[in-house]
Amino acid sequence: MKKFLSVLAIATLSVGSAFAGCGKIETTEGKLKSFDAATKVAVVDTKDGEKSFTLTPKSTGAEGLADLKGKKVKVSTSHGKVTEIAKA
């Protein structure tokens, strides 16, 4: 019985940790150089050079992005996908 409960507890803990997200969010700041609404690609000029970001349907802040061209923006990404883009 003790072995069964031990195996059950280990299995439960391993399944729970498999679904845990890492929560790592990277933030990039710079000046918005261009935004193509058709392909949903934003190019940001950072201190390290130009970086392009592809927005997904779940990305927030894409609605008024064309108006921010030439202004400072902050891009938050998680696992290479844009979660939020907004005026800095």
Protein backbone atom coordinates (compact mmCIF):
# COMPACT_ATOMS: atom_id res chain seq x y z
CA MET A 1 0.00 0.00 0.00
CA LYS A 2 2.86 2.38 0.83
CA LYS A 3 4.47 1.70 -2.54
CA PHE A 4 1.20 2.36 -4.34
CA LEU A 5 0.69 5.69 -2.57
CA SER A 6 4.31 6.69 -3.22
CA VAL A 7 3.99 5.95 -6.94
CA LEU A 8 0.69 7.80 -7.07
CA ALA A 9 2.19 10.86 -5.35
CA ILE A 10 5.19 10.92 -7.71
CA ALA A 11 2.94 10.58 -10.76
CA THR A 12 0.71 13.41 -9.55
CA LEU A 13 3.64 15.75 -8.96
CA SER A 14 5.25 15.00 -12.31
CA VAL A 15 2.01 15.63 -14.23
CA GLY A 16 1.44 18.92 -12.39
CA SER A 17 4.90 20.23 -13.19
CA ALA A 18 4.55 19.27 -16.86
CA PHE A 19 1.78 21.84 -17.28
CA ALA A 20 3.55 24.66 -15.45
CA GLY A 21 4.63 27.56 -17.65
CA CYS A 22 7.96 29.24 -17.25
CA GLY A 23 6.50 32.77 -17.31
CA LYS A 24 9.60 34.26 -18.95
CA ILE A 25 8.77 37.55 -20.67
CA GLU A 26 11.37 39.53 -22.58
CA THR A 27 10.91 43.26 -23.09
CA THR A 28 12.43 45.23 -25.97
CA GLU A 29 12.23 49.01 -26.28
CA GLY A 30 12.99 51.14 -29.30
CA LYS A 31 11.57 53.32 -32.04
CA LEU A 32 8.92 51.79 -34.32
CA LYS A 33 10.39 51.98 -37.80
CA SER A 34 7.59 50.33 -39.77
CA PHE A 35 4.48 48.19 -39.44
CA ASP A 36 2.93 46.10 -42.20
CA ALA A 37 -0.71 45.44 -41.35
CA ALA A 38 -1.08 42.73 -44.01
CA THR A 39 1.72 40.52 -42.68
CA LYS A 40 1.48 41.80 -39.06
CA VAL A 41 5.24 42.47 -38.92
CA ALA A 42 6.58 45.37 -36.85
CA VAL A 43 10.19 46.53 -37.26
CA VAL A 44 11.67 48.21 -34.18
CA ASP A 45 14.98 50.10 -34.22
CA THR A 46 16.70 49.24 -30.92
CA LYS A 47 20.11 50.13 -29.55
CA ASP A 48 21.30 46.70 -30.75
CA GLY A 49 19.97 47.24 -34.28
CA GLU A 50 16.72 46.53 -36.07
CA LYS A 51 14.51 43.72 -34.86
CA SER A 52 11.35 42.49 -36.51
CA PHE A 53 8.44 41.09 -34.54
CA THR A 54 5.50 39.12 -35.90
CA LEU A 55 2.23 39.77 -34.10
CA THR A 56 -0.25 36.98 -33.43
CA PRO A 57 -4.03 37.16 -33.08
CA LYS A 58 -3.55 37.12 -29.29
CA SER A 59 -1.14 40.10 -29.31
CA THR A 60 -2.55 43.20 -27.65
CA GLY A 61 -1.91 46.74 -28.84
CA ALA A 62 -1.87 46.07 -32.59
CA GLU A 63 -4.97 48.16 -33.26
CA GLY A 64 -3.32 51.61 -33.24
CA LEU A 65 0.19 50.52 -34.13
CA ALA A 66 0.30 52.29 -37.50
CA ASP A 67 -0.14 55.63 -35.67
CA LEU A 68 2.95 54.98 -33.51
CA LYS A 69 5.37 54.93 -36.44
CA GLY A 70 8.49 56.91 -35.48
CA LYS A 71 7.65 56.84 -31.76
CA LYS A 72 9.12 54.80 -28.91
CA VAL A 73 7.41 51.48 -28.26
CA LYS A 74 7.83 48.62 -25.81
CA VAL A 75 7.43 45.06 -27.08
CA SER A 76 6.82 42.17 -24.68
CA THR A 77 7.52 38.68 -26.02
CA SER A 78 7.13 35.22 -24.56
CA HIS A 79 8.83 32.30 -26.32
CA GLY A 80 9.34 34.41 -29.47
CA LYS A 81 5.71 35.49 -29.75
CA VAL A 82 4.54 39.05 -29.17
CA THR A 83 2.18 39.27 -26.21
CA GLU A 84 1.90 43.07 -26.05
CA ILE A 85 3.14 46.09 -27.95
CA ALA A 86 2.50 49.60 -26.66
CA LYS A 87 3.80 53.16 -26.59
CA ALA A 88 6.73 53.48 -24.20
